[in-house]
Amino acid sequence: MRTARHAACGTWSVRCTLASAAALVVALGTGLGNVRSAAADPLWQAELRAGYGIAVSGSGAGMSKRATPLTLSAIASWAFNDEPPLFGYAGLLVETLDRNAVGSVFGVRLSPRGSRLRLTGGGAWLVAPYTLWGATTSAGACMRALSRTVCGDLQLTAYFAGSDLAEGHSVTQAQLVFGVVFDAM
């Protein structure tokens, strides 16, 4: 049986990991690489992403944590507002390793000019072999490397409905996500 001290240490390590990842995202956003300019804004982009992290559910002594499935996604985004620069996005979402599932992601991304930072908010919907509905948000940074744009994000997803959740429970995932962006137009 775990003591209260061990439970606190487990919670602290999750917080420490998330704080370290957030600091890395901020450091990348203010440091290396080329800064985006208005002249370089694409109208359409494609992005391939992979993420892995920690999932927590429950509360108090009943709180559990485990590794998330490896999450892969292929996303298309399109510019729909010039000031502030906003992009809509939608794409295919696949979970693998720990469990297998397929679904979609969708939302809005803000990419401020003069910065490498990007902020997103949206949803995730897994449809097979079970269902999950969730809200997702992320903060990250992008930079040019070897003629491509590479991005790193800290992404939080809270699944709150679906056939894969116990009644009255939710699951929150924190993942480090890395992606490669291709400008289409």
N, C-alpha and C. Protein backbone atom coordinates (compact mmCIF):
# COMPACT_ATOMS: atom_id res chain seq x y z
N MET A 1 0.84 -1.18 0.00
CA MET A 1 0.00 0.00 0.00
C MET A 1 0.89 1.25 0.00
N ARG A 2 0.52 2.22 -0.80
CA ARG A 2 1.30 3.45 -0.87
C ARG A 2 0.94 4.36 0.29
N THR A 3 1.93 5.01 0.84
CA THR A 3 1.67 5.95 1.92
C THR A 3 1.37 7.31 1.32
N ALA A 4 0.87 8.23 2.16
CA ALA A 4 0.56 9.58 1.68
C ALA A 4 1.82 10.25 1.15
N ARG A 5 2.97 9.96 1.77
CA ARG A 5 4.22 10.56 1.32
C ARG A 5 4.55 10.11 -0.10
N HIS A 6 4.41 8.81 -0.38
CA HIS A 6 4.70 8.32 -1.72
C HIS A 6 3.73 8.89 -2.74
N ALA A 7 2.46 9.02 -2.37
CA ALA A 7 1.48 9.61 -3.29
C ALA A 7 1.86 11.04 -3.61
N ALA A 8 2.31 11.80 -2.59
CA ALA A 8 2.70 13.19 -2.82
C ALA A 8 3.92 13.27 -3.73
N CYS A 9 4.88 12.37 -3.52
CA CYS A 9 6.08 12.37 -4.37
C CYS A 9 5.71 12.06 -5.81
N GLY A 10 4.77 11.14 -6.02
CA GLY A 10 4.32 10.82 -7.37
C GLY A 10 3.67 12.01 -8.03
N THR A 11 2.83 12.73 -7.29
CA THR A 11 2.18 13.93 -7.83
C THR A 11 3.22 15.00 -8.10
N TRP A 12 4.20 15.17 -7.22
CA TRP A 12 5.22 16.17 -7.41
C TRP A 12 6.02 15.90 -8.67
N SER A 13 6.35 14.63 -8.93
CA SER A 13 7.16 14.32 -10.11
C SER A 13 6.40 14.63 -11.39
N VAL A 14 5.08 14.44 -11.40
CA VAL A 14 4.28 14.81 -12.57
C VAL A 14 4.32 16.32 -12.76
N ARG A 15 4.15 17.06 -11.68
CA ARG A 15 4.19 18.53 -11.76
C ARG A 15 5.56 19.02 -12.21
N CYS A 16 6.60 18.41 -11.68
CA CYS A 16 7.97 18.79 -12.04
C CYS A 16 8.22 18.53 -13.53
N THR A 17 7.76 17.39 -14.02
CA THR A 17 7.93 17.05 -15.43
C THR A 17 7.20 18.06 -16.32
N LEU A 18 5.96 18.40 -15.95
CA LEU A 18 5.18 19.36 -16.75
C LEU A 18 5.81 20.75 -16.70
N ALA A 19 6.29 21.17 -15.53
CA ALA A 19 6.92 22.48 -15.42
C ALA A 19 8.20 22.54 -16.25
N SER A 20 8.98 21.47 -16.26
CA SER A 20 10.21 21.42 -17.06
C SER A 20 9.89 21.51 -18.55
N ALA A 21 8.84 20.80 -18.98
CA ALA A 21 8.45 20.83 -20.39
C ALA A 21 7.97 22.22 -20.77
N ALA A 22 7.20 22.88 -19.90
CA ALA A 22 6.73 24.24 -20.19
C ALA A 22 7.90 25.21 -20.30
N ALA A 23 8.89 25.09 -19.42
CA ALA A 23 10.07 25.95 -19.49
C ALA A 23 10.84 25.74 -20.79
N LEU A 24 10.93 24.50 -21.25
CA LEU A 24 11.60 24.20 -22.51
C LEU A 24 10.88 24.86 -23.68
N VAL A 25 9.55 24.79 -23.70
CA VAL A 25 8.76 25.41 -24.76
C VAL A 25 8.98 26.92 -24.79
N VAL A 26 8.97 27.57 -23.63
CA VAL A 26 9.20 29.02 -23.56
C VAL A 26 10.61 29.36 -24.01
N ALA A 27 11.60 28.58 -23.59
CA ALA A 27 12.98 28.84 -24.00
C ALA A 27 13.14 28.73 -25.51
N LEU A 28 12.53 27.71 -26.11
CA LEU A 28 12.61 27.56 -27.57
C LEU A 28 11.89 28.70 -28.27
N GLY A 29 10.80 29.16 -27.70
CA GLY A 29 10.02 30.23 -28.32
C GLY A 29 10.72 31.56 -28.32
N THR A 30 11.63 31.77 -27.39
CA THR A 30 12.31 33.06 -27.31
C THR A 30 13.76 33.00 -27.76
N GLY A 31 14.21 31.82 -28.17
CA GLY A 31 15.63 31.66 -28.50
C GLY A 31 15.94 31.44 -29.95
N LEU A 32 16.26 30.21 -30.29
CA LEU A 32 16.85 29.83 -31.56
C LEU A 32 15.94 30.01 -32.77
N GLY A 33 16.52 30.02 -33.96
CA GLY A 33 15.79 29.95 -35.21
C GLY A 33 15.33 31.29 -35.75
N ASN A 34 14.71 31.23 -36.93
CA ASN A 34 14.22 32.43 -37.59
C ASN A 34 12.85 32.82 -37.05
N VAL A 35 12.60 34.10 -36.95
CA VAL A 35 11.31 34.62 -36.51
C VAL A 35 10.40 34.75 -37.72
N ARG A 36 9.12 34.39 -37.55
CA ARG A 36 8.16 34.50 -38.65
C ARG A 36 7.90 35.96 -39.00
N SER A 37 7.70 36.23 -40.28
CA SER A 37 7.31 37.56 -40.72
C SER A 37 6.02 37.45 -41.50
N ALA A 38 5.32 38.57 -41.67
CA ALA A 38 4.05 38.57 -42.38
C ALA A 38 4.21 38.09 -43.82
N ALA A 39 5.34 38.43 -44.44
CA ALA A 39 5.57 38.03 -45.82
C ALA A 39 5.70 36.51 -45.96
N ALA A 40 6.08 35.84 -44.89
CA ALA A 40 6.31 34.40 -44.96
C ALA A 40 5.09 33.58 -44.55
N ASP A 41 3.97 34.22 -44.20
CA ASP A 41 2.79 33.48 -43.75
C ASP A 41 2.19 32.66 -44.89
N PRO A 42 2.10 31.36 -44.72
CA PRO A 42 1.46 30.51 -45.74
C PRO A 42 -0.07 30.55 -45.58
N LEU A 43 -0.77 30.23 -46.67
CA LEU A 43 -2.22 30.11 -46.59
C LEU A 43 -2.65 28.72 -46.15
N TRP A 44 -1.90 27.70 -46.55
CA TRP A 44 -2.19 26.30 -46.21
C TRP A 44 -0.92 25.64 -45.70
N GLN A 45 -1.06 24.74 -44.75
CA GLN A 45 0.07 23.96 -44.24
C GLN A 45 -0.37 22.52 -43.98
N ALA A 46 0.58 21.62 -44.02
CA ALA A 46 0.37 20.23 -43.60
C ALA A 46 1.38 19.96 -42.50
N GLU A 47 0.99 19.17 -41.50
CA GLU A 47 1.89 18.88 -40.39
C GLU A 47 1.75 17.42 -39.97
N LEU A 48 2.89 16.77 -39.78
CA LEU A 48 2.94 15.41 -39.24
C LEU A 48 3.46 15.52 -37.82
N ARG A 49 2.74 14.90 -36.85
CA ARG A 49 3.06 15.06 -35.43
C ARG A 49 3.12 13.71 -34.72
N ALA A 50 3.96 13.64 -33.69
CA ALA A 50 4.04 12.47 -32.81
C ALA A 50 4.16 12.97 -31.38
N GLY A 51 3.37 12.37 -30.46
CA GLY A 51 3.39 12.80 -29.07
C GLY A 51 3.34 11.64 -28.10
N TYR A 52 3.93 11.86 -26.93
CA TYR A 52 3.96 10.83 -25.89
C TYR A 52 4.08 11.54 -24.55
N GLY A 53 3.45 11.00 -23.52
CA GLY A 53 3.52 11.66 -22.23
C GLY A 53 2.89 10.88 -21.10
N ILE A 54 2.20 11.60 -20.21
CA ILE A 54 1.61 11.04 -19.00
C ILE A 54 0.11 11.30 -19.00
N ALA A 55 -0.67 10.29 -18.58
CA ALA A 55 -2.12 10.42 -18.42
C ALA A 55 -2.46 10.24 -16.95
N VAL A 56 -3.33 11.10 -16.43
CA VAL A 56 -3.78 10.98 -15.04
C VAL A 56 -5.31 10.94 -15.02
N SER A 57 -5.84 10.18 -14.06
CA SER A 57 -7.28 10.13 -13.86
C SER A 57 -7.56 9.94 -12.38
N GLY A 58 -8.78 10.25 -11.98
CA GLY A 58 -9.14 10.14 -10.57
C GLY A 58 -8.70 11.36 -9.79
N SER A 59 -8.84 11.27 -8.45
CA SER A 59 -8.43 12.37 -7.59
C SER A 59 -8.02 11.83 -6.24
N GLY A 60 -7.23 12.62 -5.53
CA GLY A 60 -6.78 12.24 -4.19
C GLY A 60 -6.04 10.92 -4.18
N ALA A 61 -6.40 10.06 -3.19
CA ALA A 61 -5.74 8.76 -3.05
C ALA A 61 -6.07 7.83 -4.21
N GLY A 62 -7.18 8.09 -4.90
CA GLY A 62 -7.57 7.25 -6.03
C GLY A 62 -6.99 7.70 -7.36
N MET A 63 -6.08 8.68 -7.33
CA MET A 63 -5.49 9.19 -8.56
C MET A 63 -4.49 8.19 -9.13
N SER A 64 -4.59 7.96 -10.42
CA SER A 64 -3.64 7.06 -11.08
C SER A 64 -2.95 7.79 -12.21
N LYS A 65 -1.73 7.37 -12.51
CA LYS A 65 -1.00 7.94 -13.64
C LYS A 65 -0.35 6.79 -14.39
N ARG A 66 -0.22 7.00 -15.70
CA ARG A 66 0.43 6.01 -16.55
C ARG A 66 0.88 6.71 -17.81
N ALA A 67 1.64 6.01 -18.62
CA ALA A 67 2.09 6.58 -19.89
C ALA A 67 0.91 6.65 -20.85
N THR A 68 0.90 7.67 -21.69
CA THR A 68 -0.14 7.79 -22.70
C THR A 68 0.19 6.86 -23.87
N PRO A 69 -0.80 6.58 -24.70
CA PRO A 69 -0.46 5.90 -25.96
C PRO A 69 0.41 6.83 -26.81
N LEU A 70 1.17 6.28 -27.73
CA LEU A 70 1.89 7.08 -28.71
C LEU A 70 0.83 7.66 -29.63
N THR A 71 0.79 8.98 -29.74
CA THR A 71 -0.22 9.65 -30.54
C THR A 71 0.41 10.18 -31.82
N LEU A 72 -0.14 9.77 -32.96
CA LEU A 72 0.32 10.23 -34.27
C LEU A 72 -0.80 11.01 -34.92
N SER A 73 -0.46 12.08 -35.62
CA SER A 73 -1.51 12.83 -36.32
C SER A 73 -0.96 13.44 -37.60
N ALA A 74 -1.87 13.58 -38.55
CA ALA A 74 -1.60 14.26 -39.83
C ALA A 74 -2.65 15.37 -39.93
N ILE A 75 -2.20 16.61 -39.97
CA ILE A 75 -3.09 17.76 -39.85
C ILE A 75 -2.93 18.70 -41.04
N ALA A 76 -4.05 19.23 -41.52
CA ALA A 76 -4.05 20.30 -42.52
C ALA A 76 -4.53 21.56 -41.81
N SER A 77 -3.88 22.69 -42.08
CA SER A 77 -4.32 23.96 -41.50
C SER A 77 -4.41 25.02 -42.59
N TRP A 78 -5.29 25.99 -42.38
CA TRP A 78 -5.54 27.04 -43.35
C TRP A 78 -5.70 28.37 -42.62
N ALA A 79 -5.15 29.42 -43.22
CA ALA A 79 -5.25 30.76 -42.64
C ALA A 79 -6.66 31.29 -42.88
N PHE A 80 -7.28 31.85 -41.84
CA PHE A 80 -8.60 32.46 -42.04
C PHE A 80 -8.69 33.86 -41.47
N ASN A 81 -7.63 34.35 -40.81
CA ASN A 81 -7.64 35.70 -40.28
C ASN A 81 -6.22 36.25 -40.33
N ASP A 82 -6.08 37.50 -40.79
CA ASP A 82 -4.76 38.09 -40.95
C ASP A 82 -4.24 38.72 -39.66
N GLU A 83 -5.09 39.43 -38.94
CA GLU A 83 -4.65 40.13 -37.73
C GLU A 83 -5.65 39.92 -36.63
N PRO A 84 -5.40 39.15 -35.62
CA PRO A 84 -4.20 38.36 -35.39
C PRO A 84 -4.16 37.15 -36.33
N PRO A 85 -2.99 36.62 -36.61
CA PRO A 85 -2.87 35.50 -37.55
C PRO A 85 -3.45 34.20 -36.95
N LEU A 86 -4.63 33.83 -37.45
CA LEU A 86 -5.32 32.63 -36.97
C LEU A 86 -5.43 31.59 -38.08
N PHE A 87 -5.28 30.34 -37.69
CA PHE A 87 -5.40 29.21 -38.61
C PHE A 87 -6.41 28.23 -38.04
N GLY A 88 -7.25 27.68 -38.90
CA GLY A 88 -8.08 26.55 -38.52
C GLY A 88 -7.30 25.29 -38.84
N TYR A 89 -7.58 24.21 -38.11
CA TYR A 89 -6.90 22.95 -38.43
C TYR A 89 -7.84 21.78 -38.22
N ALA A 90 -7.58 20.71 -38.96
CA ALA A 90 -8.33 19.46 -38.82
C ALA A 90 -7.45 18.35 -39.35
N GLY A 91 -7.63 17.14 -38.80
CA GLY A 91 -6.81 16.05 -39.28
C GLY A 91 -7.13 14.72 -38.64
N LEU A 92 -6.34 13.74 -39.01
CA LEU A 92 -6.47 12.37 -38.56
C LEU A 92 -5.64 12.18 -37.29
N LEU A 93 -6.20 11.47 -36.31
CA LEU A 93 -5.53 11.18 -35.04
C LEU A 93 -5.50 9.67 -34.85
N VAL A 94 -4.32 9.12 -34.53
CA VAL A 94 -4.18 7.68 -34.31
C VAL A 94 -3.43 7.47 -32.99
N GLU A 95 -3.97 6.61 -32.13
CA GLU A 95 -3.27 6.21 -30.91
C GLU A 95 -2.76 4.79 -31.10
N THR A 96 -1.53 4.53 -30.67
CA THR A 96 -0.94 3.21 -30.84
C THR A 96 -0.03 2.88 -29.66
N LEU A 97 0.55 1.73 -29.64
CA LEU A 97 1.38 1.13 -28.60
C LEU A 97 0.51 0.57 -27.47
N ASP A 98 0.16 1.38 -26.47
CA ASP A 98 -0.60 0.89 -25.33
C ASP A 98 -2.00 0.43 -25.74
N ARG A 99 -2.62 1.16 -26.62
CA ARG A 99 -3.94 0.80 -27.16
C ARG A 99 -4.04 1.39 -28.55
N ASN A 100 -4.96 0.89 -29.34
CA ASN A 100 -5.12 1.37 -30.71
C ASN A 100 -6.47 2.05 -30.87
N ALA A 101 -6.46 3.21 -31.51
CA ALA A 101 -7.69 3.95 -31.76
C ALA A 101 -7.45 4.90 -32.92
N VAL A 102 -8.53 5.32 -33.55
CA VAL A 102 -8.45 6.27 -34.65
C VAL A 102 -9.57 7.30 -34.48
N GLY A 103 -9.29 8.52 -34.89
CA GLY A 103 -10.28 9.59 -34.77
C GLY A 103 -9.80 10.84 -35.48
N SER A 104 -10.24 11.99 -34.97
CA SER A 104 -9.88 13.25 -35.61
C SER A 104 -9.58 14.32 -34.57
N VAL A 105 -8.86 15.34 -35.01
CA VAL A 105 -8.58 16.54 -34.21
C VAL A 105 -9.00 17.75 -35.02
N PHE A 106 -9.36 18.82 -34.32
CA PHE A 106 -9.83 20.04 -34.99
C PHE A 106 -9.67 21.21 -34.03
N GLY A 107 -9.52 22.42 -34.57
CA GLY A 107 -9.42 23.58 -33.70
C GLY A 107 -8.87 24.80 -34.39
N VAL A 108 -8.33 25.71 -33.57
CA VAL A 108 -7.80 26.99 -34.02
C VAL A 108 -6.39 27.16 -33.46
N ARG A 109 -5.50 27.74 -34.28
CA ARG A 109 -4.12 28.01 -33.85
C ARG A 109 -3.81 29.49 -34.03
N LEU A 110 -3.20 30.08 -33.02
CA LEU A 110 -2.70 31.45 -33.07
C LEU A 110 -1.19 31.39 -33.17
N SER A 111 -0.64 32.04 -34.21
CA SER A 111 0.81 32.10 -34.39
C SER A 111 1.22 33.56 -34.49
N PRO A 112 1.52 34.20 -33.35
CA PRO A 112 1.83 35.64 -33.36
C PRO A 112 3.02 35.97 -34.24
N ARG A 113 2.90 37.07 -34.97
CA ARG A 113 4.02 37.52 -35.81
C ARG A 113 5.15 38.04 -34.92
N GLY A 114 6.37 37.87 -35.39
CA GLY A 114 7.53 38.31 -34.63
C GLY A 114 7.90 37.36 -33.51
N SER A 115 7.33 36.16 -33.54
CA SER A 115 7.59 35.18 -32.49
C SER A 115 7.56 33.78 -33.08
N ARG A 116 8.23 32.86 -32.43
CA ARG A 116 8.18 31.46 -32.83
C ARG A 116 7.07 30.70 -32.08
N LEU A 117 6.43 31.35 -31.13
CA LEU A 117 5.40 30.70 -30.32
C LEU A 117 4.14 30.41 -31.13
N ARG A 118 3.41 29.39 -30.69
CA ARG A 118 2.10 29.11 -31.25
C ARG A 118 1.23 28.54 -30.14
N LEU A 119 -0.04 28.90 -30.16
CA LEU A 119 -1.01 28.46 -29.18
C LEU A 119 -2.19 27.84 -29.91
N THR A 120 -2.69 26.72 -29.42
CA THR A 120 -3.83 26.07 -30.06
C THR A 120 -4.90 25.72 -29.03
N GLY A 121 -6.11 25.62 -29.52
CA GLY A 121 -7.23 25.15 -28.72
C GLY A 121 -8.20 24.43 -29.64
N GLY A 122 -8.74 23.32 -29.19
CA GLY A 122 -9.65 22.59 -30.06
C GLY A 122 -10.20 21.35 -29.39
N GLY A 123 -10.47 20.36 -30.21
CA GLY A 123 -11.07 19.13 -29.71
C GLY A 123 -10.44 17.90 -30.33
N ALA A 124 -10.69 16.77 -29.67
CA ALA A 124 -10.24 15.47 -30.18
C ALA A 124 -11.42 14.52 -30.06
N TRP A 125 -11.57 13.67 -31.06
CA TRP A 125 -12.69 12.73 -31.10
C TRP A 125 -12.16 11.40 -31.60
N LEU A 126 -12.13 10.40 -30.72
CA LEU A 126 -11.74 9.06 -31.11
C LEU A 126 -13.01 8.26 -31.37
N VAL A 127 -13.06 7.54 -32.51
CA VAL A 127 -14.31 6.88 -32.92
C VAL A 127 -14.22 5.37 -33.03
N ALA A 128 -13.02 4.79 -33.10
CA ALA A 128 -12.94 3.34 -33.27
C ALA A 128 -11.70 2.82 -32.57
N PRO A 129 -11.76 1.75 -31.84
CA PRO A 129 -12.87 0.84 -31.61
C PRO A 129 -13.80 1.30 -30.48
N TYR A 130 -13.47 2.37 -29.79
CA TYR A 130 -14.30 2.94 -28.73
C TYR A 130 -14.44 4.42 -29.02
N THR A 131 -15.22 5.15 -28.22
CA THR A 131 -15.36 6.58 -28.44
C THR A 131 -14.80 7.36 -27.26
N LEU A 132 -14.21 8.49 -27.55
CA LEU A 132 -13.75 9.46 -26.55
C LEU A 132 -13.91 10.85 -27.14
N TRP A 133 -14.44 11.77 -26.35
CA TRP A 133 -14.52 13.18 -26.71
C TRP A 133 -13.64 13.96 -25.75
N GLY A 134 -12.88 14.93 -26.27
CA GLY A 134 -12.02 15.70 -25.38
C GLY A 134 -11.72 17.09 -25.90
N ALA A 135 -11.26 17.92 -24.98
CA ALA A 135 -10.79 19.27 -25.32
C ALA A 135 -9.28 19.25 -25.25
N THR A 136 -8.65 19.97 -26.16
CA THR A 136 -7.19 19.97 -26.21
C THR A 136 -6.68 21.40 -26.34
N THR A 137 -5.53 21.64 -25.73
CA THR A 137 -4.86 22.93 -25.83
C THR A 137 -3.35 22.67 -25.82
N SER A 138 -2.62 23.54 -26.50
CA SER A 138 -1.17 23.38 -26.49
C SER A 138 -0.48 24.72 -26.65
N ALA A 139 0.76 24.75 -26.21
CA ALA A 139 1.64 25.90 -26.40
C ALA A 139 2.97 25.34 -26.88
N GLY A 140 3.55 26.00 -27.85
CA GLY A 140 4.80 25.49 -28.39
C GLY A 140 5.55 26.52 -29.19
N ALA A 141 6.59 26.05 -29.83
CA ALA A 141 7.45 26.91 -30.64
C ALA A 141 7.90 26.16 -31.88
N CYS A 142 8.12 26.92 -32.95
CA CYS A 142 8.59 26.36 -34.21
C CYS A 142 9.86 27.08 -34.65
N MET A 143 10.68 26.36 -35.41
CA MET A 143 11.88 26.98 -35.97
C MET A 143 12.25 26.26 -37.27
N ARG A 144 12.96 26.95 -38.13
CA ARG A 144 13.43 26.36 -39.39
C ARG A 144 14.65 25.51 -39.12
N ALA A 145 14.65 24.30 -39.69
CA ALA A 145 15.79 23.40 -39.57
C ALA A 145 15.85 22.55 -40.83
N LEU A 146 16.96 22.61 -41.54
CA LEU A 146 17.16 21.80 -42.74
C LEU A 146 16.04 21.99 -43.76
N SER A 147 15.70 23.22 -44.06
CA SER A 147 14.69 23.63 -45.05
C SER A 147 13.27 23.22 -44.69
N ARG A 148 13.02 22.81 -43.47
CA ARG A 148 11.68 22.48 -42.99
C ARG A 148 11.44 23.22 -41.68
N THR A 149 10.20 23.35 -41.31
CA THR A 149 9.85 23.92 -40.02
C THR A 149 9.57 22.77 -39.06
N VAL A 150 10.27 22.76 -37.93
CA VAL A 150 10.03 21.75 -36.90
C VAL A 150 9.44 22.45 -35.68
N CYS A 151 8.52 21.75 -35.01
CA CYS A 151 7.81 22.34 -33.88
C CYS A 151 7.83 21.40 -32.69
N GLY A 152 7.83 21.98 -31.52
CA GLY A 152 7.70 21.24 -30.27
C GLY A 152 6.60 21.89 -29.45
N ASP A 153 5.70 21.09 -28.91
CA ASP A 153 4.58 21.60 -28.14
C ASP A 153 4.41 20.82 -26.85
N LEU A 154 3.87 21.48 -25.84
CA LEU A 154 3.35 20.82 -24.66
C LEU A 154 1.84 20.83 -24.84
N GLN A 155 1.25 19.65 -24.96
CA GLN A 155 -0.18 19.54 -25.26
C GLN A 155 -0.92 18.89 -24.10
N LEU A 156 -2.04 19.49 -23.71
CA LEU A 156 -2.91 18.94 -22.69
C LEU A 156 -4.23 18.55 -23.35
N THR A 157 -4.69 17.33 -23.08
CA THR A 157 -5.98 16.86 -23.60
C THR A 157 -6.77 16.30 -22.44
N ALA A 158 -8.01 16.76 -22.28
CA ALA A 158 -8.90 16.26 -21.24
C ALA A 158 -10.06 15.54 -21.91
N TYR A 159 -10.09 14.21 -21.78
CA TYR A 159 -11.20 13.42 -22.32
C TYR A 159 -12.28 13.37 -21.25
N PHE A 160 -13.48 13.82 -21.59
CA PHE A 160 -14.55 13.95 -20.62
C PHE A 160 -15.80 13.14 -20.96
N ALA A 161 -15.88 12.54 -22.13
CA ALA A 161 -17.05 11.75 -22.50
C ALA A 161 -16.64 10.64 -23.45
N GLY A 162 -17.42 9.55 -23.46
CA GLY A 162 -17.17 8.47 -24.39
C GLY A 162 -17.29 7.11 -23.74
N SER A 163 -17.33 6.09 -24.58
CA SER A 163 -17.52 4.72 -24.11
C SER A 163 -16.29 4.13 -23.43
N ASP A 164 -15.12 4.75 -23.53
CA ASP A 164 -13.90 4.23 -22.93
C ASP A 164 -13.62 4.82 -21.54
N LEU A 165 -14.55 5.64 -21.03
CA LEU A 165 -14.38 6.23 -19.69
C LEU A 165 -15.36 5.60 -18.72
N ALA A 166 -14.90 5.42 -17.48
CA ALA A 166 -15.80 4.96 -16.43
C ALA A 166 -16.80 6.09 -16.12
N GLU A 167 -17.97 5.73 -15.67
CA GLU A 167 -19.02 6.70 -15.36
C GLU A 167 -18.51 7.77 -14.39
N GLY A 168 -18.68 9.03 -14.76
CA GLY A 168 -18.29 10.14 -13.89
C GLY A 168 -16.79 10.41 -13.82
N HIS A 169 -15.99 9.83 -14.69
CA HIS A 169 -14.54 10.03 -14.67
C HIS A 169 -14.07 10.73 -15.94
N SER A 170 -12.90 11.32 -15.85
CA SER A 170 -12.23 11.90 -17.02
C SER A 170 -10.77 11.49 -16.98
N VAL A 171 -10.10 11.66 -18.09
CA VAL A 171 -8.67 11.38 -18.18
C VAL A 171 -8.00 12.61 -18.78
N THR A 172 -6.92 13.05 -18.17
CA THR A 172 -6.16 14.19 -18.68
C THR A 172 -4.78 13.70 -19.10
N GLN A 173 -4.40 14.05 -20.32
CA GLN A 173 -3.09 13.67 -20.86
C GLN A 173 -2.22 14.90 -21.02
N ALA A 174 -0.97 14.79 -20.63
CA ALA A 174 0.05 15.82 -20.90
C ALA A 174 1.10 15.15 -21.78
N GLN A 175 1.30 15.70 -22.98
CA GLN A 175 2.23 15.09 -23.92
C GLN A 175 3.21 16.12 -24.47
N LEU A 176 4.43 15.67 -24.72
CA LEU A 176 5.38 16.44 -25.52
C LEU A 176 5.15 15.98 -26.95
N VAL A 177 4.88 16.93 -27.83
CA VAL A 177 4.55 16.63 -29.21
C VAL A 177 5.57 17.29 -30.12
N PHE A 178 6.10 16.53 -31.06
CA PHE A 178 7.04 17.05 -32.03
C PHE A 178 6.44 16.90 -33.42
N GLY A 179 6.63 17.93 -34.26
CA GLY A 179 6.04 17.89 -35.59
C GLY A 179 6.94 18.50 -36.65
N VAL A 180 6.63 18.17 -37.89
CA VAL A 180 7.28 18.74 -39.06
C VAL A 180 6.20 19.40 -39.89
N VAL A 181 6.39 20.66 -40.25
CA VAL A 181 5.39 21.45 -40.98
C VAL A 181 5.85 21.64 -42.42
N PHE A 182 4.92 21.45 -43.34
CA PHE A 182 5.17 21.65 -44.77
C PHE A 182 4.24 22.77 -45.26
N ASP A 183 4.83 23.85 -45.79
CA ASP A 183 4.01 24.94 -46.34
C ASP A 183 3.50 24.52 -47.72
N ALA A 184 2.18 24.61 -47.91
CA ALA A 184 1.58 24.20 -49.18
C ALA A 184 1.37 25.39 -50.11
N MET A 185 0.97 26.51 -49.58
CA MET A 185 0.73 27.71 -50.41
C MET A 185 1.06 28.94 -49.63
